[in-house]
Amino acid sequence: MSRVVVDVMPKPEILDPQGKAVQGALPRLGFQGVNEVRQGKRFEIELEGEATEERLAQVHEMASTLLSNPVIEDYEVRVVQ
């Protein structure tokens, strides 16, 4: 079995209201020096067998069609062991 992680983040030019809310709350909680916070999603996918190029291509297809909105989000796929 292989484990694949898909990290989904808003594109840099897209407003991130959740990230802004967290960024605004941090100083009120005593955390200083944070310039920016962006909030995203993380998906962990366990695959049967090896993480071959063909299987990773399927994960990329999953990410672009279901796990992310390609208009406003970028995603990154990586294999973890």
Protein backbone atom coordinates (compact mmCIF):
# COMPACT_ATOMS: atom_id res chain seq x y z
CA MET A 1 0.00 0.00 0.00
CA SER A 2 1.02 3.59 -0.60
CA ARG A 3 -0.09 6.78 1.06
CA VAL A 4 -0.49 9.94 -0.99
CA VAL A 5 -1.17 13.41 0.38
CA VAL A 6 -2.98 16.08 -1.63
CA ASP A 7 -2.60 19.61 -0.25
CA VAL A 8 -5.10 22.13 -1.64
CA MET A 9 -4.59 25.87 -1.16
CA PRO A 10 -6.30 28.98 -2.50
CA LYS A 11 -4.39 30.53 -5.38
CA PRO A 12 -2.27 33.50 -4.25
CA GLU A 13 -4.52 36.04 -5.97
CA ILE A 14 -7.69 34.66 -4.32
CA LEU A 15 -8.95 36.31 -1.13
CA ASP A 16 -8.76 33.91 1.83
CA PRO A 17 -11.25 35.14 4.47
CA GLN A 18 -10.61 32.20 6.80
CA GLY A 19 -6.87 32.81 6.70
CA LYS A 20 -7.44 36.53 7.33
CA ALA A 21 -9.66 35.73 10.33
CA VAL A 22 -6.95 33.51 11.83
CA GLN A 23 -4.31 36.13 11.09
CA GLY A 24 -6.40 38.75 12.90
CA ALA A 25 -6.97 36.49 15.92
CA LEU A 26 -3.32 35.56 16.47
CA PRO A 27 -2.17 38.93 17.90
CA ARG A 28 -5.19 39.01 20.22
CA LEU A 29 -4.03 35.64 21.55
CA GLY A 30 -0.50 36.91 22.10
CA PHE A 31 1.17 35.59 18.94
CA GLN A 32 3.19 38.31 17.22
CA GLY A 33 5.15 38.55 13.98
CA VAL A 34 2.82 36.60 11.66
CA ASN A 35 2.65 38.35 8.27
CA GLU A 36 0.14 36.12 6.50
CA VAL A 37 -2.02 33.05 7.07
CA ARG A 38 -3.57 30.98 4.26
CA GLN A 39 -5.96 28.16 5.06
CA GLY A 40 -6.26 25.08 2.88
CA LYS A 41 -7.26 21.42 2.88
CA ARG A 42 -5.26 18.20 3.22
CA PHE A 43 -6.39 14.83 1.88
CA GLU A 44 -4.62 11.57 2.74
CA ILE A 45 -5.30 8.80 0.25
CA GLU A 46 -4.23 5.21 0.77
CA LEU A 47 -3.69 3.37 -2.50
CA GLU A 48 -3.57 -0.36 -3.10
CA GLY A 49 -0.11 -1.35 -4.29
CA GLU A 50 2.72 0.93 -5.35
CA ALA A 51 2.40 4.62 -6.14
CA THR A 52 3.28 4.23 -9.81
CA GLU A 53 3.18 7.08 -12.31
CA GLU A 54 -0.14 5.75 -13.58
CA ARG A 55 -1.64 5.69 -10.06
CA LEU A 56 -0.30 9.19 -9.34
CA ALA A 57 -1.87 10.40 -12.59
CA GLN A 58 -5.20 9.10 -11.23
CA VAL A 59 -4.64 11.00 -7.98
CA HIS A 60 -3.94 14.17 -9.99
CA GLU A 61 -7.22 13.58 -11.83
CA MET A 62 -9.03 13.11 -8.48
CA ALA A 63 -7.49 16.35 -7.23
CA SER A 64 -8.43 18.38 -10.27
CA THR A 65 -11.98 17.06 -10.60
CA LEU A 66 -13.17 16.50 -7.02
CA LEU A 67 -10.73 17.56 -4.31
CA SER A 68 -10.04 21.08 -5.58
CA ASN A 69 -11.63 23.85 -7.58
CA PRO A 70 -8.96 24.54 -10.24
CA VAL A 71 -10.37 28.01 -10.89
CA ILE A 72 -9.50 29.27 -7.40
CA GLU A 73 -7.25 26.58 -5.88
CA ASP A 74 -3.87 24.99 -6.53
CA TYR A 75 -2.98 21.50 -5.35
CA GLU A 76 0.15 19.49 -4.71
CA VAL A 77 0.39 15.69 -4.71
CA ARG A 78 3.14 13.90 -2.80
CA VAL A 79 3.82 10.34 -1.76
CA VAL A 80 4.51 9.70 1.93
CA GLN A 81 5.73 6.40 3.38
